Amino acid sequence: MKRFLFAIGACSILFSVVACGNNPAVQSSTMDRSEPDYKTKDGQSIASWVKKTENQKAVCEVLRTAKQNGIPSSSPEATQLVAQRFELHPAEAEIVAIYAIEFGCPDLQ
């Protein structure tokens, strides 16, 4: 069973239980910290990388090709293609694809 912890200000909400302050029961239920660092191989942040016009265009081309092959641009399959093409973690590829669709290739929305 997965447990989700959401932080809002100084309070934490664990499902329907609300706890504020230094409640050890809530503090011991932390989210998975093994998330990717969201950096490219050269150390640039993913957000900075995708904001570059030439990178947006390249991502858009991958997504357009996927769409021509019957794969929706916002699907997990399209995200996987972006991850493979640019050697990104799947979570990073999802960020890149969403940003590119919104700002670089609105025709794919």
C-alpha atoms as a PDB file:
ATOM      1  CA  MET A   1       0.000   0.000   0.000  1.00  0.00           C
ATOM      2  CA  LYS A   2       1.384   3.380  -0.960  1.00  0.00           C
ATOM      3  CA  ARG A   3       1.204   6.265   1.476  1.00  0.00           C
ATOM      4  CA  PHE A   4       1.186   9.830   0.245  1.00  0.00           C
ATOM      5  CA  LEU A   5       2.348  12.817   2.245  1.00  0.00           C
ATOM      6  CA  PHE A   6       1.499  16.335   1.164  1.00  0.00           C
ATOM      7  CA  ALA A   7       3.044  19.385   2.794  1.00  0.00           C
ATOM      8  CA  ILE A   8       1.041  22.588   3.057  1.00  0.00           C
ATOM      9  CA  GLY A   9       2.824  25.329   4.940  1.00  0.00           C
ATOM     10  CA  ALA A  10       3.773  24.088   8.392  1.00  0.00           C
ATOM     11  CA  CYS A  11       1.165  21.313   8.299  1.00  0.00           C
ATOM     12  CA  SER A  12       1.304  17.900   6.676  1.00  0.00           C
ATOM     13  CA  ILE A  13      -1.670  15.958   5.402  1.00  0.00           C
ATOM     14  CA  LEU A  14      -1.477  12.174   5.307  1.00  0.00           C
ATOM     15  CA  PHE A  15      -4.638  11.022   3.539  1.00  0.00           C
ATOM     16  CA  SER A  16      -7.406  12.444   5.735  1.00  0.00           C
ATOM     17  CA  VAL A  17      -5.272  12.798   8.881  1.00  0.00           C
ATOM     18  CA  VAL A  18      -3.983  16.318   9.498  1.00  0.00           C
ATOM     19  CA  ALA A  19      -0.889  16.840  11.626  1.00  0.00           C
ATOM     20  CA  CYS A  20       0.998  20.036  12.344  1.00  0.00           C
ATOM     21  CA  GLY A  21       4.327  20.664  13.981  1.00  0.00           C
ATOM     22  CA  ASN A  22       6.721  17.910  15.015  1.00  0.00           C
ATOM     23  CA  ASN A  23       4.509  14.854  14.822  1.00  0.00           C
ATOM     24  CA  PRO A  24       6.949  11.905  14.425  1.00  0.00           C
ATOM     25  CA  ALA A  25       4.264   9.702  12.864  1.00  0.00           C
ATOM     26  CA  VAL A  26       3.904  12.103   9.965  1.00  0.00           C
ATOM     27  CA  GLN A  27       7.602  12.875   9.684  1.00  0.00           C
ATOM     28  CA  SER A  28       8.495   9.194   9.380  1.00  0.00           C
ATOM     29  CA  SER A  29       6.197   8.856   6.349  1.00  0.00           C
ATOM     30  CA  THR A  30       8.281  10.613   3.751  1.00  0.00           C
ATOM     31  CA  MET A  31       7.983  10.353   0.006  1.00  0.00           C
ATOM     32  CA  ASP A  32      10.457   8.409  -2.101  1.00  0.00           C
ATOM     33  CA  ARG A  33      13.646  10.469  -2.403  1.00  0.00           C
ATOM     34  CA  SER A  34      15.072   8.515  -5.362  1.00  0.00           C
ATOM     35  CA  GLU A  35      13.840  11.024  -7.943  1.00  0.00           C
ATOM     36  CA  PRO A  36      16.117  11.944 -10.857  1.00  0.00           C
ATOM     37  CA  ASP A  37      18.096  15.159 -10.561  1.00  0.00           C
ATOM     38  CA  TYR A  38      16.543  16.685 -13.714  1.00  0.00           C
ATOM     39  CA  LYS A  39      19.862  17.644 -15.297  1.00  0.00           C
ATOM     40  CA  THR A  40      21.250  16.895 -18.746  1.00  0.00           C
ATOM     41  CA  LYS A  41      24.550  15.060 -19.155  1.00  0.00           C
ATOM     42  CA  ASP A  42      26.436  18.361 -19.326  1.00  0.00           C
ATOM     43  CA  GLY A  43      24.895  19.500 -16.025  1.00  0.00           C
ATOM     44  CA  GLN A  44      22.363  21.903 -17.508  1.00  0.00           C
ATOM     45  CA  SER A  45      18.894  21.900 -15.963  1.00  0.00           C
ATOM     46  CA  ILE A  46      16.170  20.218 -18.009  1.00  0.00           C
ATOM     47  CA  ALA A  47      14.077  23.405 -17.864  1.00  0.00           C
ATOM     48  CA  SER A  48      16.915  25.483 -19.347  1.00  0.00           C
ATOM     49  CA  TRP A  49      17.665  22.829 -21.954  1.00  0.00           C
ATOM     50  CA  VAL A  50      14.124  22.585 -23.317  1.00  0.00           C
ATOM     51  CA  LYS A  51      13.681  26.373 -23.413  1.00  0.00           C
ATOM     52  CA  LYS A  52      16.319  26.590 -26.148  1.00  0.00           C
ATOM     53  CA  THR A  53      14.509  26.914 -29.466  1.00  0.00           C
ATOM     54  CA  GLU A  54      16.593  24.307 -31.295  1.00  0.00           C
ATOM     55  CA  ASN A  55      15.919  21.730 -28.562  1.00  0.00           C
ATOM     56  CA  GLN A  56      12.185  22.476 -28.605  1.00  0.00           C
ATOM     57  CA  LYS A  57      12.161  22.006 -32.375  1.00  0.00           C
ATOM     58  CA  ALA A  58      13.986  18.679 -32.069  1.00  0.00           C
ATOM     59  CA  VAL A  59      11.537  17.426 -29.423  1.00  0.00           C
ATOM     60  CA  CYS A  60       8.613  18.611 -31.560  1.00  0.00           C
ATOM     61  CA  GLU A  61       9.970  16.662 -34.538  1.00  0.00           C
ATOM     62  CA  VAL A  62      10.148  13.469 -32.459  1.00  0.00           C
ATOM     63  CA  LEU A  63       6.574  14.027 -31.258  1.00  0.00           C
ATOM     64  CA  ARG A  64       5.298  14.868 -34.778  1.00  0.00           C
ATOM     65  CA  THR A  65       6.892  11.698 -36.141  1.00  0.00           C
ATOM     66  CA  ALA A  66       5.226   9.715 -33.366  1.00  0.00           C
ATOM     67  CA  LYS A  67       1.877  11.335 -34.199  1.00  0.00           C
ATOM     68  CA  GLN A  68       2.298  10.440 -37.883  1.00  0.00           C
ATOM     69  CA  ASN A  69       2.801   6.843 -36.755  1.00  0.00           C
ATOM     70  CA  GLY A  70      -0.441   6.911 -34.759  1.00  0.00           C
ATOM     71  CA  ILE A  71       1.084   7.590 -31.339  1.00  0.00           C
ATOM     72  CA  PRO A  72      -0.572  10.496 -29.470  1.00  0.00           C
ATOM     73  CA  SER A  73       1.988  13.169 -28.595  1.00  0.00           C
ATOM     74  CA  SER A  74       1.112  13.142 -24.892  1.00  0.00           C
ATOM     75  CA  SER A  75       1.151   9.356 -24.521  1.00  0.00           C
ATOM     76  CA  PRO A  76       3.670   7.345 -22.488  1.00  0.00           C
ATOM     77  CA  GLU A  77       4.920   5.836 -25.760  1.00  0.00           C
ATOM     78  CA  ALA A  78       5.753   9.292 -27.157  1.00  0.00           C
ATOM     79  CA  THR A  79       7.450  10.217 -23.887  1.00  0.00           C
ATOM     80  CA  GLN A  80       9.526   7.035 -24.148  1.00  0.00           C
ATOM     81  CA  LEU A  81      10.601   8.028 -27.673  1.00  0.00           C
ATOM     82  CA  VAL A  82      11.742  11.423 -26.353  1.00  0.00           C
ATOM     83  CA  ALA A  83      13.610   9.695 -23.511  1.00  0.00           C
ATOM     84  CA  GLN A  84      15.407   7.381 -25.930  1.00  0.00           C
ATOM     85  CA  ARG A  85      16.229  10.077 -28.498  1.00  0.00           C
ATOM     86  CA  PHE A  86      17.697  12.531 -25.986  1.00  0.00           C
ATOM     87  CA  GLU A  87      18.967   9.960 -23.445  1.00  0.00           C
ATOM     88  CA  LEU A  88      16.742  11.246 -20.638  1.00  0.00           C
ATOM     89  CA  HIS A  89      15.151   9.628 -17.600  1.00  0.00           C
ATOM     90  CA  PRO A  90      11.432   8.978 -18.317  1.00  0.00           C
ATOM     91  CA  ALA A  91      10.404  11.631 -15.765  1.00  0.00           C
ATOM     92  CA  GLU A  92      12.713  14.145 -17.430  1.00  0.00           C
ATOM     93  CA  ALA A  93      11.371  13.221 -20.863  1.00  0.00           C
ATOM     94  CA  GLU A  94       7.835  13.825 -19.640  1.00  0.00           C
ATOM     95  CA  ILE A  95       8.771  17.324 -18.449  1.00  0.00           C
ATOM     96  CA  VAL A  96      10.485  18.049 -21.764  1.00  0.00           C
ATOM     97  CA  ALA A  97       7.563  16.730 -23.835  1.00  0.00           C
ATOM     98  CA  ILE A  98       4.944  18.697 -21.893  1.00  0.00           C
ATOM     99  CA  TYR A  99       6.953  21.913 -22.139  1.00  0.00           C
ATOM    100  CA  ALA A 100       7.621  21.425 -25.857  1.00  0.00           C
ATOM    101  CA  ILE A 101       3.967  20.691 -26.629  1.00  0.00           C
ATOM    102  CA  GLU A 102       2.793  23.756 -24.719  1.00  0.00           C
ATOM    103  CA  PHE A 103       5.363  26.270 -25.925  1.00  0.00           C
ATOM    104  CA  GLY A 104       7.213  24.865 -28.932  1.00  0.00           C
ATOM    105  CA  CYS A 105       4.666  22.929 -30.934  1.00  0.00           C
ATOM    106  CA  PRO A 106       1.108  23.910 -29.988  1.00  0.00           C
ATOM    107  CA  ASP A 107      -0.124  22.121 -33.117  1.00  0.00           C
ATOM    108  CA  LEU A 108       0.332  18.878 -31.169  1.00  0.00           C
ATOM    109  CA  GLN A 109      -2.025  19.858 -28.327  1.00  0.00           C
END
